[in-house]
Amino acid sequence: MKVSKTIVTLFLLAMLVSSVFSIALDPVNLEGINVSGRFLVPMRSIFENLGATVDWDGTTRTVTGIKDEIEVKLVIDDINAYVNGELI
């Protein structure tokens, strides 16, 4: 199944919006930090607040969020995202 960049962008945006609106009901730690002009947020808080399971691999510096049939992998210092194994 080919996943377009637009679908992935909309999915990630929906995840973020869902997290922001659920804060009023269930506060989570979404405090981020600004590092060299990049705003970093805790992905675990966002993924878990959306009901996704989260795994961290310190060896490869990869965070994986899985919900239903969607798996999102993000690697530290990599500008790409991997959705269901496909490079985005």
Protein backbone atom coordinates (compact mmCIF):
# COMPACT_ATOMS: atom_id res chain seq x y z
CA MET A 1 0.00 0.00 0.00
CA LYS A 2 1.51 3.31 -1.09
CA VAL A 3 1.04 6.15 1.38
CA SER A 4 1.30 9.64 -0.07
CA LYS A 5 3.12 12.47 1.69
CA THR A 6 -0.16 14.37 1.90
CA ILE A 7 -1.87 11.52 3.76
CA VAL A 8 1.06 11.18 6.16
CA THR A 9 1.11 14.94 6.75
CA LEU A 10 -2.63 14.94 7.43
CA PHE A 11 -2.28 11.93 9.75
CA LEU A 12 0.51 13.56 11.75
CA LEU A 13 -1.41 16.84 11.87
CA ALA A 14 -4.52 15.03 13.06
CA MET A 15 -2.46 13.31 15.75
CA LEU A 16 -1.09 16.65 16.91
CA VAL A 17 -4.48 18.40 16.85
CA SER A 18 -6.06 15.51 18.74
CA SER A 19 -3.34 15.80 21.37
CA VAL A 20 -3.75 19.54 21.74
CA PHE A 21 -7.53 19.35 22.16
CA SER A 22 -7.34 16.45 24.60
CA ILE A 23 -5.03 18.42 26.90
CA ALA A 24 -8.04 20.17 28.42
CA LEU A 25 -9.45 16.78 29.46
CA ASP A 26 -6.25 14.87 30.20
CA PRO A 27 -3.14 17.04 30.66
CA VAL A 28 0.07 15.56 29.29
CA ASN A 29 3.61 16.85 29.30
CA LEU A 30 3.94 18.52 25.92
CA GLU A 31 6.55 21.04 26.96
CA GLY A 32 9.04 21.35 24.17
CA ILE A 33 12.41 22.98 23.83
CA ASN A 34 13.90 25.20 21.16
CA VAL A 35 17.26 23.91 19.95
CA SER A 36 19.00 25.89 17.23
CA GLY A 37 15.69 27.14 15.81
CA ARG A 38 14.00 23.71 15.93
CA PHE A 39 11.17 23.11 18.37
CA LEU A 40 11.41 19.62 19.84
CA VAL A 41 8.44 17.95 21.53
CA PRO A 42 8.23 14.66 23.45
CA MET A 43 6.88 12.17 20.92
CA ARG A 44 6.05 9.64 23.65
CA SER A 45 3.51 12.05 25.17
CA ILE A 46 1.90 12.75 21.81
CA PHE A 47 1.78 9.11 20.68
CA GLU A 48 0.52 7.76 24.02
CA ASN A 49 -2.11 10.49 24.30
CA LEU A 50 -3.46 9.32 20.95
CA GLY A 51 -3.63 5.73 22.17
CA ALA A 52 -0.60 4.54 20.25
CA THR A 53 2.01 2.22 21.70
CA VAL A 54 5.51 3.64 21.78
CA ASP A 55 8.89 1.96 21.56
CA TRP A 56 12.35 3.53 21.84
CA ASP A 57 15.48 1.89 20.42
CA GLY A 58 18.46 3.67 21.94
CA THR A 59 20.92 1.81 19.72
CA THR A 60 19.42 3.17 16.49
CA ARG A 61 17.90 6.25 18.18
CA THR A 62 14.50 5.39 16.73
CA VAL A 63 11.04 6.05 18.17
CA THR A 64 8.20 3.92 16.86
CA GLY A 65 4.53 4.70 17.35
CA ILE A 66 1.93 2.09 16.45
CA LYS A 67 -1.83 2.56 16.39
CA ASP A 68 -4.21 0.22 14.63
CA GLU A 69 -2.48 -0.68 11.36
CA ILE A 70 -0.25 2.39 11.16
CA GLU A 71 3.38 2.34 12.26
CA VAL A 72 5.35 5.61 12.31
CA LYS A 73 9.13 5.53 12.81
CA LEU A 74 11.20 8.62 13.44
CA VAL A 75 14.98 8.57 13.77
CA ILE A 76 16.96 11.22 15.63
CA ASP A 77 18.80 13.55 13.18
CA ASP A 78 16.91 12.10 10.18
CA ILE A 79 14.58 14.46 8.29
CA ASN A 80 12.56 11.51 6.97
CA ALA A 81 9.68 9.61 8.52
CA TYR A 82 8.86 5.97 7.88
CA VAL A 83 5.20 4.96 7.72
CA ASN A 84 4.51 1.24 7.55
CA GLY A 85 8.14 0.79 6.47
CA GLU A 86 7.89 3.25 3.58
CA LEU A 87 10.21 6.25 3.48
CA ILE A 88 8.30 9.53 3.55
